Protein backbone atom coordinates (compact mmCIF):
# COMPACT_ATOMS: atom_id res chain seq x y z
CA ALA A 1 -22.79 1.05 5.42
CA HIS A 2 -23.51 -1.88 7.67
CA PRO A 3 -24.14 -0.77 11.22
CA ARG A 4 -20.82 -2.32 12.34
CA THR A 5 -18.51 -0.40 9.96
CA ALA A 6 -15.69 1.69 11.23
CA ILE A 7 -14.74 4.55 9.03
CA GLY A 8 -11.54 6.50 9.44
CA ALA A 9 -10.32 9.48 7.27
CA ALA A 10 -7.59 12.02 7.18
CA LEU A 11 -6.91 15.22 5.16
CA ILE A 12 -3.36 16.38 4.15
CA ARG A 13 -2.46 19.75 2.93
CA ASP A 14 1.00 20.75 1.87
CA GLY A 15 2.56 17.69 3.39
CA LYS A 16 0.88 18.19 6.81
CA VAL A 17 -1.96 16.23 8.47
CA VAL A 18 -4.58 18.95 9.05
CA TRP A 19 -7.56 16.77 10.09
CA THR A 20 -8.39 13.15 11.13
CA GLY A 21 -11.74 11.81 11.91
CA VAL A 22 -13.24 8.36 12.92
CA ALA A 23 -16.82 7.26 13.09
CA GLY A 24 -18.85 4.06 13.27
CA ALA A 25 -18.28 0.93 15.25
CA GLN A 26 -15.00 -0.87 16.22
CA THR A 27 -16.77 -3.90 17.45
CA ASP A 28 -20.44 -4.66 18.41
CA SER A 29 -19.84 -3.00 21.85
CA GLN A 30 -17.23 -0.32 21.11
CA PRO A 31 -17.47 2.82 19.05
CA ALA A 32 -14.43 3.42 16.76
CA THR A 33 -12.00 6.21 17.93
CA ARG A 34 -8.82 7.82 16.73
CA ASP A 35 -7.10 4.98 18.75
CA THR A 36 -8.83 2.37 16.57
CA LEU A 37 -6.50 0.06 14.66
CA PHE A 38 -7.43 -0.64 11.04
CA ASN A 39 -6.12 -3.55 8.95
CA VAL A 40 -5.31 -1.68 5.71
CA ALA A 41 -4.64 -4.79 3.58
CA SER A 42 -2.40 -3.95 0.57
CA MET A 43 -1.70 -0.54 1.84
CA THR A 44 1.01 -2.44 3.70
CA LYS A 45 3.01 -2.37 0.47
CA PRO A 46 3.89 1.41 0.43
CA VAL A 47 5.31 1.01 3.97
CA THR A 48 7.51 -1.98 2.84
CA ALA A 49 8.42 0.01 -0.23
CA GLU A 50 9.45 3.01 1.93
CA LEU A 51 11.72 0.69 3.94
CA VAL A 52 13.37 -0.57 0.86
CA MET A 53 13.91 2.97 -0.48
CA ARG A 54 15.42 4.17 2.74
CA LEU A 55 17.82 1.23 2.73
CA ALA A 56 18.73 2.20 -0.75
CA GLN A 57 19.18 5.75 0.44
CA ALA A 58 21.57 4.47 3.07
CA GLY A 59 23.45 2.43 0.59
CA ARG A 60 22.61 -0.82 2.22
CA ILE A 61 20.87 -2.19 -0.94
CA GLY A 62 20.81 -1.36 -4.59
CA LEU A 63 17.44 -0.95 -6.40
CA ASP A 64 18.93 -2.74 -9.35
CA GLU A 65 20.99 -5.43 -7.64
CA PRO A 66 20.09 -9.06 -8.45
CA MET A 67 18.31 -10.42 -5.32
CA ALA A 68 19.18 -14.04 -6.12
CA GLY A 69 22.77 -13.39 -4.99
CA VAL A 70 21.39 -12.91 -1.45
CA TRP A 71 18.16 -14.79 -1.28
CA MET A 72 15.56 -16.29 -3.64
CA ASP A 73 12.25 -18.24 -2.94
CA PRO A 74 13.30 -21.94 -3.17
CA ASP A 75 10.36 -22.53 -5.56
CA VAL A 76 11.99 -20.59 -8.26
CA ALA A 77 15.67 -20.57 -7.32
CA GLY A 78 16.47 -22.99 -10.02
CA ASP A 79 14.85 -20.92 -12.76
CA ALA A 80 17.25 -18.81 -14.72
CA ARG A 81 14.73 -15.98 -14.75
CA ALA A 82 14.94 -15.54 -10.99
CA ARG A 83 18.48 -14.24 -11.48
CA ARG A 84 17.17 -11.13 -13.19
CA LEU A 85 14.89 -10.10 -10.24
CA THR A 86 15.67 -6.86 -8.57
CA PRO A 87 14.11 -4.69 -5.75
CA ARG A 88 12.92 -2.27 -8.45
CA MET A 89 10.97 -5.07 -10.22
CA ALA A 90 9.40 -6.09 -6.96
CA LEU A 91 8.36 -2.59 -5.87
CA SER A 92 6.85 -1.89 -9.36
CA HIS A 93 5.10 -5.29 -9.80
CA GLN A 94 7.36 -6.45 -12.65
CA THR A 95 8.60 -9.75 -11.18
CA GLY A 96 6.34 -11.72 -13.42
CA PHE A 97 4.86 -13.58 -10.31
CA PRO A 98 1.08 -13.89 -9.65
CA ASN A 99 -0.40 -12.10 -6.74
CA TRP A 100 -0.17 -15.20 -4.55
CA ARG A 101 1.03 -18.69 -5.40
CA PRO A 102 -1.85 -21.22 -5.47
CA GLN A 103 -2.63 -22.89 -2.23
CA ASN A 104 -0.49 -25.87 -1.59
CA ARG A 105 1.34 -25.33 -4.90
CA ARG A 106 4.80 -23.96 -5.97
CA LEU A 107 5.36 -20.38 -6.90
CA ALA A 108 5.92 -20.03 -10.51
CA PHE A 109 6.48 -17.18 -13.12
CA ALA A 110 3.28 -16.07 -14.92
CA ARG A 111 5.22 -14.00 -17.40
CA GLU A 112 8.82 -12.93 -18.14
CA PRO A 113 10.25 -10.62 -15.36
CA GLY A 114 10.58 -7.02 -16.50
CA THR A 115 8.25 -7.26 -19.39
CA GLY A 116 5.02 -5.71 -17.98
CA PHE A 117 2.84 -5.19 -14.87
CA ILE A 118 1.36 -8.02 -12.88
CA TYR A 119 0.17 -7.01 -9.42
CA SER A 120 2.05 -9.47 -7.03
CA GLY A 121 2.12 -9.70 -3.36
CA GLU A 122 4.69 -12.44 -3.79
CA GLY A 123 7.16 -9.85 -5.16
CA TYR A 124 6.89 -7.81 -2.05
CA GLU A 125 7.46 -10.84 0.09
CA LEU A 126 10.51 -11.57 -1.97
CA VAL A 127 12.04 -8.11 -1.67
CA ALA A 128 11.25 -7.96 2.15
CA ARG A 129 13.05 -11.26 2.77
CA PHE A 130 15.90 -10.24 0.54
CA ALA A 131 16.37 -6.99 2.56
CA ALA A 132 16.24 -8.83 5.92
CA ARG A 133 18.74 -11.43 4.77
CA LYS A 134 21.11 -9.01 3.19
CA LEU A 135 21.25 -6.83 6.37
CA ARG A 136 21.16 -9.93 8.64
CA ALA A 137 18.39 -8.31 10.61
CA ASP A 138 14.74 -8.93 11.54
CA PHE A 139 12.42 -7.38 8.99
CA GLU A 140 10.18 -5.79 11.57
CA ASP A 141 13.14 -4.39 13.40
CA LEU A 142 14.31 -2.79 10.24
CA ALA A 143 10.87 -1.24 9.64
CA GLU A 144 10.93 0.21 13.17
CA SER A 145 14.43 1.61 12.90
CA HIS A 146 14.30 2.96 9.31
CA VAL A 147 10.63 4.00 8.83
CA PHE A 148 8.40 3.97 12.01
CA ARG A 149 10.87 5.65 14.48
CA PRO A 150 12.25 8.30 12.02
CA MET A 151 8.68 9.12 10.92
CA GLY A 152 7.39 9.26 14.47
CA LEU A 153 4.96 6.41 14.07
CA THR A 154 4.07 4.63 17.30
CA ARG A 155 0.88 2.93 16.54
CA ILE A 156 1.64 0.83 13.47
CA ALA A 157 2.85 -2.82 13.20
CA TYR A 158 3.08 -5.77 10.82
CA THR A 159 2.12 -8.25 13.65
CA TRP A 160 0.58 -8.44 17.10
CA ARG A 161 1.85 -6.12 19.93
CA PRO A 162 0.34 -6.04 23.44
CA TRP A 163 -0.75 -2.32 22.99
CA MET A 164 -3.21 -3.50 20.28
CA GLU A 165 -5.35 -5.13 22.91
CA GLY A 166 -8.97 -3.96 22.60
CA ARG A 167 -8.32 -1.53 19.87
CA VAL A 168 -8.65 -3.63 16.64
CA ALA A 169 -11.59 -2.91 14.32
CA VAL A 170 -13.18 -6.23 13.51
CA PRO A 171 -14.98 -6.38 10.15
CA VAL A 172 -18.49 -8.00 9.96
CA ASN A 173 -17.48 -10.74 7.56
CA GLY A 174 -14.02 -11.61 8.84
CA ASN A 175 -10.80 -9.78 9.48
CA GLY A 176 -8.44 -10.26 6.59
CA TYR A 177 -8.22 -13.57 4.88
CA PRO A 178 -10.60 -16.35 6.05
CA GLY A 179 -9.40 -17.75 9.30
CA THR A 180 -7.54 -14.58 10.30
CA ALA A 181 -8.93 -13.25 13.51
CA GLY A 182 -6.69 -10.22 13.76
CA PRO A 183 -3.08 -9.34 13.53
CA HIS A 184 -0.70 -12.08 12.66
CA PRO A 185 1.34 -13.48 15.65
CA TYR A 186 4.57 -11.67 16.37
CA GLY A 187 7.25 -12.55 13.75
CA HIS A 188 4.82 -13.97 11.19
CA TRP A 189 4.78 -10.85 9.12
CA LEU A 190 3.76 -10.24 5.50
CA GLY A 191 5.56 -7.48 3.54
CA ALA A 192 2.41 -7.02 1.32
CA ASP A 193 -0.59 -7.29 3.44
CA ASP A 194 -2.26 -6.97 6.89
CA ILE A 195 -0.39 -4.06 8.61
CA TYR A 196 -2.41 -2.58 11.51
CA THR A 197 -2.41 1.14 12.02
CA THR A 198 -4.41 4.11 13.28
CA VAL A 199 -5.57 6.77 10.92
CA GLY A 200 -3.26 9.23 12.52
CA ASP A 201 -0.27 7.18 12.12
CA TYR A 202 -0.83 6.31 8.46
CA ALA A 203 -1.74 9.89 7.65
CA ALA A 204 1.64 10.90 9.20
CA PHE A 205 3.19 8.29 7.05
CA VAL A 206 1.54 9.59 3.81
CA ALA A 207 2.42 13.17 4.70
CA GLY A 208 6.09 12.21 5.19
CA VAL A 209 6.09 10.39 1.86
CA ALA A 210 4.53 13.48 0.18
CA ARG A 211 7.25 15.65 1.67
CA GLY A 212 10.01 13.18 0.58
CA ASP A 213 11.29 12.87 4.01
CA GLY A 214 14.57 10.68 4.38
CA LEU A 215 15.27 10.48 0.62
CA SER A 216 17.46 12.36 -1.83
CA ALA A 217 15.88 14.42 -4.55
CA ALA A 218 16.96 11.62 -7.03
CA LEU A 219 15.21 8.82 -5.09
CA ARG A 220 12.04 11.00 -4.52
CA ALA A 221 11.83 11.44 -8.21
CA GLU A 222 12.42 7.73 -8.92
CA ARG A 223 9.69 6.72 -6.61
CA LEU A 224 7.06 8.61 -8.68
CA ARG A 225 8.69 8.11 -11.94
CA PRO A 226 6.41 5.72 -14.06
CA GLN A 227 8.32 2.38 -14.11
CA VAL A 228 5.68 0.33 -16.01
CA ALA A 229 2.24 1.04 -17.58
CA MET A 230 -0.86 -0.04 -15.89
CA PRO A 231 -4.39 -0.33 -17.33
CA GLY A 232 -6.31 2.87 -17.41
CA CYS A 233 -9.89 3.72 -18.49
CA PRO A 234 -11.28 1.13 -20.93
CA LYS A 235 -12.70 3.90 -23.12
CA PRO A 236 -11.72 7.55 -23.22
CA VAL A 237 -14.03 9.63 -21.01
CA ALA A 238 -13.44 13.28 -19.79
CA GLY A 239 -11.81 13.09 -16.33
CA CYS A 240 -9.87 9.92 -16.88
CA PRO A 241 -6.28 10.06 -16.28
CA ASP A 242 -4.04 10.53 -19.40
CA ARG A 243 -1.74 7.80 -18.10
CA VAL A 244 -1.79 5.26 -15.19
CA ALA A 245 1.58 3.63 -14.25
CA MET A 246 3.36 2.02 -11.35
CA GLY A 247 6.09 3.84 -9.52
CA LEU A 248 7.95 2.33 -6.59
CA GLY A 249 5.41 1.50 -4.15
CA TRP A 250 2.69 3.78 -5.46
CA GLN A 251 0.52 4.14 -8.58
CA VAL A 252 1.07 7.24 -10.45
CA LEU A 253 -1.90 8.83 -12.26
CA SER A 254 -1.17 11.70 -14.62
CA PHE A 255 -3.88 14.30 -15.27
CA GLY A 256 -2.27 16.78 -17.69
CA THR A 257 0.61 18.26 -15.75
CA ARG A 258 -0.52 17.03 -12.40
CA ARG A 259 0.52 13.71 -10.93
CA LEU A 260 -1.30 11.83 -8.22
CA ALA A 261 0.29 9.16 -6.18
CA LEU A 262 -2.22 6.45 -4.94
CA HIS A 263 -2.56 3.13 -3.42
CA GLU A 264 -5.60 1.00 -2.41
CA GLY A 265 -6.22 -1.89 -0.07
CA GLY A 266 -8.91 -4.53 -0.02
CA ASP A 267 -9.49 -7.90 1.74
CA PRO A 268 -12.70 -9.44 3.02
CA GLY A 269 -14.29 -6.72 5.14
CA VAL A 270 -11.44 -4.36 4.57
CA SER A 271 -11.16 -1.35 2.16
CA ALA A 272 -8.69 1.54 2.13
CA ILE A 273 -7.30 4.19 -0.16
CA ALA A 274 -4.60 6.86 0.29
CA TYR A 275 -3.39 9.41 -2.18
CA PHE A 276 -1.48 12.72 -2.48
CA ASP A 277 -0.65 15.18 -5.29
CA ALA A 278 3.05 14.97 -6.15
CA ASP A 279 3.33 18.78 -6.49
CA THR A 280 0.98 20.39 -4.05
CA ARG A 281 1.46 17.59 -1.41
CA ASP A 282 -2.29 17.60 -0.74
CA GLY A 283 -3.85 14.35 -0.09
CA ALA A 284 -6.24 12.22 2.02
CA LEU A 285 -6.97 8.64 3.19
CA ILE A 286 -10.08 6.69 3.87
CA PHE A 287 -10.01 3.40 5.93
CA LEU A 288 -13.16 1.09 6.03
CA SER A 289 -13.51 -1.89 8.36
CA GLY A 290 -16.79 -3.70 7.77
CA GLU A 291 -19.26 -3.72 4.87
CA GLY A 292 -17.83 -0.82 3.17
CA GLU A 293 -16.40 -0.72 -0.43
CA ALA A 294 -15.22 1.88 -3.01
CA PRO A 295 -18.52 3.76 -3.38
CA LEU A 296 -18.65 4.41 0.34
CA ALA A 297 -15.02 5.56 0.24
CA MET A 298 -15.88 7.91 -2.62
CA GLN A 299 -18.67 9.43 -0.56
CA VAL A 300 -16.33 10.16 2.25
CA ILE A 301 -13.85 11.71 -0.19
CA GLU A 302 -16.71 13.80 -1.59
CA ALA A 303 -17.35 15.00 1.90
CA ILE A 304 -13.79 15.87 2.93
CA ASP A 305 -11.89 16.40 -0.30
CA PRO A 306 -14.45 17.26 -3.02
CA GLN A 307 -12.01 18.81 -5.41
CA SER A 308 -9.86 15.60 -5.48
CA LEU A 309 -8.72 14.27 -8.77
CA VAL A 310 -9.37 10.72 -7.30
CA LEU A 311 -12.97 11.64 -7.12
CA SER A 312 -13.31 12.92 -10.67
CA GLY A 313 -11.10 10.07 -11.98
CA TYR A 314 -13.25 7.43 -10.15
CA ARG A 315 -16.47 8.86 -11.66
CA ALA A 316 -14.89 8.96 -15.17
CA MET A 317 -13.62 5.46 -14.66
CA MET A 318 -17.16 4.20 -13.85
CA LYS A 319 -18.49 5.88 -16.93
CA SER A 320 -15.80 4.44 -19.04
CA ARG A 321 -16.51 0.97 -17.89
CA GLU A 322 -20.17 1.42 -18.51
CA GLY A 323 -19.37 2.63 -22.08
CA ALA A 324 -17.03 -0.38 -22.66
CA GLU A 325 -19.83 -2.97 -21.69
């Protein structure tokens, strides 16, 4: 790792955070600590998905209601396909939208909605704005009242807060997208990207999700039910998951009778992964801020959670890709 890499990790056992650790450098002059705030990039999506699921639990929105009746991105509002879009499609990456619209160009469908997996941050922006508009509330206030406060999370936010001062891990080659110097200004949130959190708070979030807090048994099952197939190993190799699919906010990897929920995040200088076993509720998370990528994250997992299916699955995936070349 680069000398200025902050590394955060946590271990979850039976739905409880049993250990957290932080090492490395927050900035050139500050060591990383348990108070350090990491940008976890696309691991924002499970948090937004949790909000949508809890709003569905409360009967405030329906997972299968058409969003266009409440709000639709103006770029596609005139397209008949937009009337088919639902929160379920957004959370499982089935909107048919690309990840992000081309710069200075209009959003457009890349494929028919509901016909397959296309990873899309745009889909998450759509469902976040839909929820805020339907409830006539500020999105960040909804996250605070329905997710952060009930889960006891006090050091996590989509945008800048005064308590973040002097606590943000700054990657070597930029923080987030080029030109982003840190958290977005208050109110300028993204539902898909750039949330800031401590290791302890995100670990508590993952543990709460693993326990199924705040959701009925039916909604807990729906979250980890495979909604749409995702690409797996290019060639069969021992250790590869039998099936890779997208649930609601989380990838679901099947290894025989075991199911692993997983999500990753990656932006320039930012890498993160969190996972938990659906049945044992064991899991872990790794945050890297700096010149750290997947191989380094796997080294950390090897040190703290060596029996993890993530570790064996990652190694099998690497072998499978080598065999496919």
